[in-house]
Amino acid sequence: MNRSIVVSTLERVEEAVSDATAAIDLQPSIDILAAAYVSRCVDLILLDRVEEAVADVTAAIDLQPDDIDILGQA
């Protein structure tokens, strides 16, 4: 998950999406899973893949509906 954030910061967005997807595939704790969805959502927006980004932020909200910070991060 951290690698995805670092790679995104380096503007290697496609690689960041792949790293976030790998983190999601590992099925980590709910907190980490939601963060991975949000991270990938941000990168997908940068790639103009809006429909996929909406699906990811929706998944994050479904995992943590009481976390009001999710929308602020996405």
Protein backbone atom coordinates (compact mmCIF):
# COMPACT_ATOMS: atom_id res chain seq x y z
CA MET A 1 0.00 0.00 0.00
CA ASN A 2 2.75 2.46 0.91
CA ARG A 3 4.53 1.68 -2.34
CA SER A 4 1.43 2.74 -4.26
CA ILE A 5 1.44 6.14 -2.55
CA VAL A 6 5.15 6.69 -3.15
CA VAL A 7 4.92 5.64 -6.79
CA SER A 8 1.95 7.96 -7.31
CA THR A 9 3.91 10.82 -5.78
CA LEU A 10 6.63 10.14 -8.34
CA GLU A 11 3.97 10.54 -11.05
CA ARG A 12 4.16 6.91 -12.13
CA VAL A 13 0.39 6.68 -11.93
CA GLU A 14 -0.18 3.47 -13.92
CA GLU A 15 2.30 1.68 -11.66
CA ALA A 16 0.58 3.15 -8.60
CA VAL A 17 -2.76 1.75 -9.81
CA SER A 18 -1.14 -1.68 -10.20
CA ASP A 19 0.36 -1.50 -6.72
CA ALA A 20 -2.94 -0.47 -5.14
CA THR A 21 -4.67 -3.31 -6.99
CA ALA A 22 -2.10 -5.75 -5.60
CA ALA A 23 -2.79 -4.43 -2.10
CA ILE A 24 -6.53 -4.87 -2.62
CA ASP A 25 -6.03 -8.41 -3.92
CA LEU A 26 -4.22 -9.33 -0.68
CA GLN A 27 -7.46 -8.68 1.23
CA PRO A 28 -5.80 -6.80 4.12
CA SER A 29 -7.65 -5.42 7.14
CA ILE A 30 -10.70 -3.29 6.41
CA ASP A 31 -8.83 -0.06 7.22
CA ILE A 32 -6.00 -0.86 4.81
CA LEU A 33 -8.39 -2.16 2.16
CA ALA A 34 -10.44 1.04 2.28
CA ALA A 35 -7.25 3.13 2.08
CA ALA A 36 -6.10 1.12 -0.94
CA TYR A 37 -9.40 1.76 -2.70
CA VAL A 38 -9.12 5.49 -1.98
CA SER A 39 -5.51 5.58 -3.16
CA ARG A 40 -6.38 3.80 -6.39
CA CYS A 41 -9.40 6.08 -6.84
CA VAL A 42 -7.17 9.16 -6.79
CA ASP A 43 -4.80 7.64 -9.33
CA LEU A 44 -7.66 6.55 -11.57
CA ILE A 45 -8.97 10.12 -11.58
CA LEU A 46 -5.53 11.30 -12.71
CA LEU A 47 -5.81 8.83 -15.57
CA ASP A 48 -9.32 10.10 -16.41
CA ARG A 49 -10.80 6.68 -15.58
CA VAL A 50 -13.70 8.24 -13.69
CA GLU A 51 -16.13 5.32 -13.68
CA GLU A 52 -13.52 3.04 -12.12
CA ALA A 53 -12.64 5.76 -9.60
CA VAL A 54 -16.29 6.07 -8.57
CA ALA A 55 -16.48 2.30 -8.09
CA ASP A 56 -13.39 2.42 -5.86
CA VAL A 57 -14.59 5.27 -3.66
CA THR A 58 -17.96 3.51 -3.38
CA ALA A 59 -16.17 0.33 -2.24
CA ALA A 60 -14.22 2.33 0.36
CA ILE A 61 -17.42 3.92 1.67
CA ASP A 62 -19.11 0.51 1.79
CA LEU A 63 -16.22 -0.80 3.89
CA GLN A 64 -16.15 2.17 6.24
CA PRO A 65 -19.47 4.02 6.04
CA ASP A 66 -18.76 5.98 9.23
CA ASP A 67 -15.42 7.34 8.01
CA ILE A 68 -16.20 10.89 6.94
CA ASP A 69 -12.61 11.44 5.78
CA ILE A 70 -12.95 9.09 2.79
CA LEU A 71 -14.64 11.66 0.58
CA GLY A 72 -12.09 14.28 1.55
CA GLN A 73 -9.26 11.99 0.43
CA ALA A 74 -10.82 11.08 -2.89
